[in-house]
Amino acid sequence: MAKNKSDFVGQTDDQLGESLGQLKREQFNLRFQAATNQLEKPSRVREVRKDIARIKTQQAQRNAATGK
């Protein structure tokens, strides 16, 4: 379910923000599952973290390009 950089390039700024919010909520839930030993797929924690980084990188590149 992990995405590539190209999956985020085609999204608008609003879509990126929404995706980031969803991933942060998922990361929060995964942390709780890990703390209570209910985590079914430990590799998902890493995938979510990398997807968040991909989105933030894309947002930073767009901000740099527009001079914000």
C-alpha atoms as a PDB file:
ATOM      1  CA  MET A   1       0.000   0.000   0.000  1.00  0.00           C
ATOM      2  CA  ALA A   2       3.072   2.232   0.085  1.00  0.00           C
ATOM      3  CA  LYS A   3       3.126   4.811  -2.634  1.00  0.00           C
ATOM      4  CA  ASN A   4       5.842   6.068  -4.911  1.00  0.00           C
ATOM      5  CA  LYS A   5       6.934   9.642  -5.340  1.00  0.00           C
ATOM      6  CA  SER A   6       5.101   9.747  -8.663  1.00  0.00           C
ATOM      7  CA  ASP A   7       1.813   9.006  -6.875  1.00  0.00           C
ATOM      8  CA  PHE A   8       2.071  12.300  -4.985  1.00  0.00           C
ATOM      9  CA  VAL A   9       3.370  14.461  -7.849  1.00  0.00           C
ATOM     10  CA  GLY A  10       0.004  14.442  -9.624  1.00  0.00           C
ATOM     11  CA  GLN A  11      -1.940  15.558  -6.552  1.00  0.00           C
ATOM     12  CA  THR A  12      -2.995  19.120  -5.833  1.00  0.00           C
ATOM     13  CA  ASP A  13      -1.840  20.932  -2.711  1.00  0.00           C
ATOM     14  CA  ASP A  14      -5.190  20.259  -1.049  1.00  0.00           C
ATOM     15  CA  GLN A  15      -5.023  16.556  -1.888  1.00  0.00           C
ATOM     16  CA  LEU A  16      -1.490  16.362  -0.494  1.00  0.00           C
ATOM     17  CA  GLY A  17      -2.649  17.993   2.729  1.00  0.00           C
ATOM     18  CA  GLU A  18      -5.549  15.579   3.013  1.00  0.00           C
ATOM     19  CA  SER A  19      -3.302  12.573   2.340  1.00  0.00           C
ATOM     20  CA  LEU A  20      -0.851  13.847   4.938  1.00  0.00           C
ATOM     21  CA  GLY A  21      -3.631  14.144   7.523  1.00  0.00           C
ATOM     22  CA  GLN A  22      -4.853  10.613   6.830  1.00  0.00           C
ATOM     23  CA  LEU A  23      -1.342   9.202   7.083  1.00  0.00           C
ATOM     24  CA  LYS A  24      -0.676  11.022  10.353  1.00  0.00           C
ATOM     25  CA  ARG A  25      -3.893   9.594  11.818  1.00  0.00           C
ATOM     26  CA  GLU A  26      -2.874   6.136  10.654  1.00  0.00           C
ATOM     27  CA  GLN A  27       0.585   6.607  12.155  1.00  0.00           C
ATOM     28  CA  PHE A  28      -1.011   7.614  15.458  1.00  0.00           C
ATOM     29  CA  ASN A  29      -3.204   4.486  15.449  1.00  0.00           C
ATOM     30  CA  LEU A  30      -0.257   2.278  14.525  1.00  0.00           C
ATOM     31  CA  ARG A  31       1.757   3.649  17.457  1.00  0.00           C
ATOM     32  CA  PHE A  32      -1.057   2.721  19.828  1.00  0.00           C
ATOM     33  CA  GLN A  33      -1.342  -0.744  18.316  1.00  0.00           C
ATOM     34  CA  ALA A  34       2.408  -1.219  18.685  1.00  0.00           C
ATOM     35  CA  ALA A  35       2.309  -0.092  22.312  1.00  0.00           C
ATOM     36  CA  THR A  36      -0.440  -2.581  23.139  1.00  0.00           C
ATOM     37  CA  ASN A  37       1.130  -5.414  21.123  1.00  0.00           C
ATOM     38  CA  GLN A  38      -1.827  -5.539  18.706  1.00  0.00           C
ATOM     39  CA  LEU A  39       0.140  -4.577  15.597  1.00  0.00           C
ATOM     40  CA  GLU A  40      -0.566  -7.069  12.815  1.00  0.00           C
ATOM     41  CA  LYS A  41       1.810  -5.709  10.186  1.00  0.00           C
ATOM     42  CA  PRO A  42       4.896  -4.024  11.698  1.00  0.00           C
ATOM     43  CA  SER A  43       6.240  -3.073   8.283  1.00  0.00           C
ATOM     44  CA  ARG A  44       3.272  -0.718   7.804  1.00  0.00           C
ATOM     45  CA  VAL A  45       4.796   1.665  10.377  1.00  0.00           C
ATOM     46  CA  ARG A  46       7.815   2.166   8.132  1.00  0.00           C
ATOM     47  CA  GLU A  47       5.673   2.510   4.975  1.00  0.00           C
ATOM     48  CA  VAL A  48       3.529   5.216   6.560  1.00  0.00           C
ATOM     49  CA  ARG A  49       6.582   7.090   7.819  1.00  0.00           C
ATOM     50  CA  LYS A  50       8.145   7.054   4.345  1.00  0.00           C
ATOM     51  CA  ASP A  51       4.898   8.163   2.689  1.00  0.00           C
ATOM     52  CA  ILE A  52       4.686  11.102   5.108  1.00  0.00           C
ATOM     53  CA  ALA A  53       8.251  12.041   4.198  1.00  0.00           C
ATOM     54  CA  ARG A  54       7.422  11.809   0.479  1.00  0.00           C
ATOM     55  CA  ILE A  55       4.475  14.174   0.883  1.00  0.00           C
ATOM     56  CA  LYS A  56       6.465  16.653   2.962  1.00  0.00           C
ATOM     57  CA  THR A  57       9.268  16.584   0.380  1.00  0.00           C
ATOM     58  CA  GLN A  58       6.778  17.241  -2.421  1.00  0.00           C
ATOM     59  CA  GLN A  59       5.250  20.141  -0.470  1.00  0.00           C
ATOM     60  CA  ALA A  60       8.694  21.620   0.220  1.00  0.00           C
ATOM     61  CA  GLN A  61       9.652  21.402  -3.444  1.00  0.00           C
ATOM     62  CA  ARG A  62       6.446  23.147  -4.479  1.00  0.00           C
ATOM     63  CA  ASN A  63       6.959  25.875  -1.885  1.00  0.00           C
ATOM     64  CA  ALA A  64      10.531  26.407  -3.062  1.00  0.00           C
ATOM     65  CA  ALA A  65       9.395  26.600  -6.680  1.00  0.00           C
ATOM     66  CA  THR A  66       6.768  29.232  -5.901  1.00  0.00           C
ATOM     67  CA  GLY A  67       9.126  31.158  -3.606  1.00  0.00           C
ATOM     68  CA  LYS A  68       7.031  30.833  -0.430  1.00  0.00           C
END
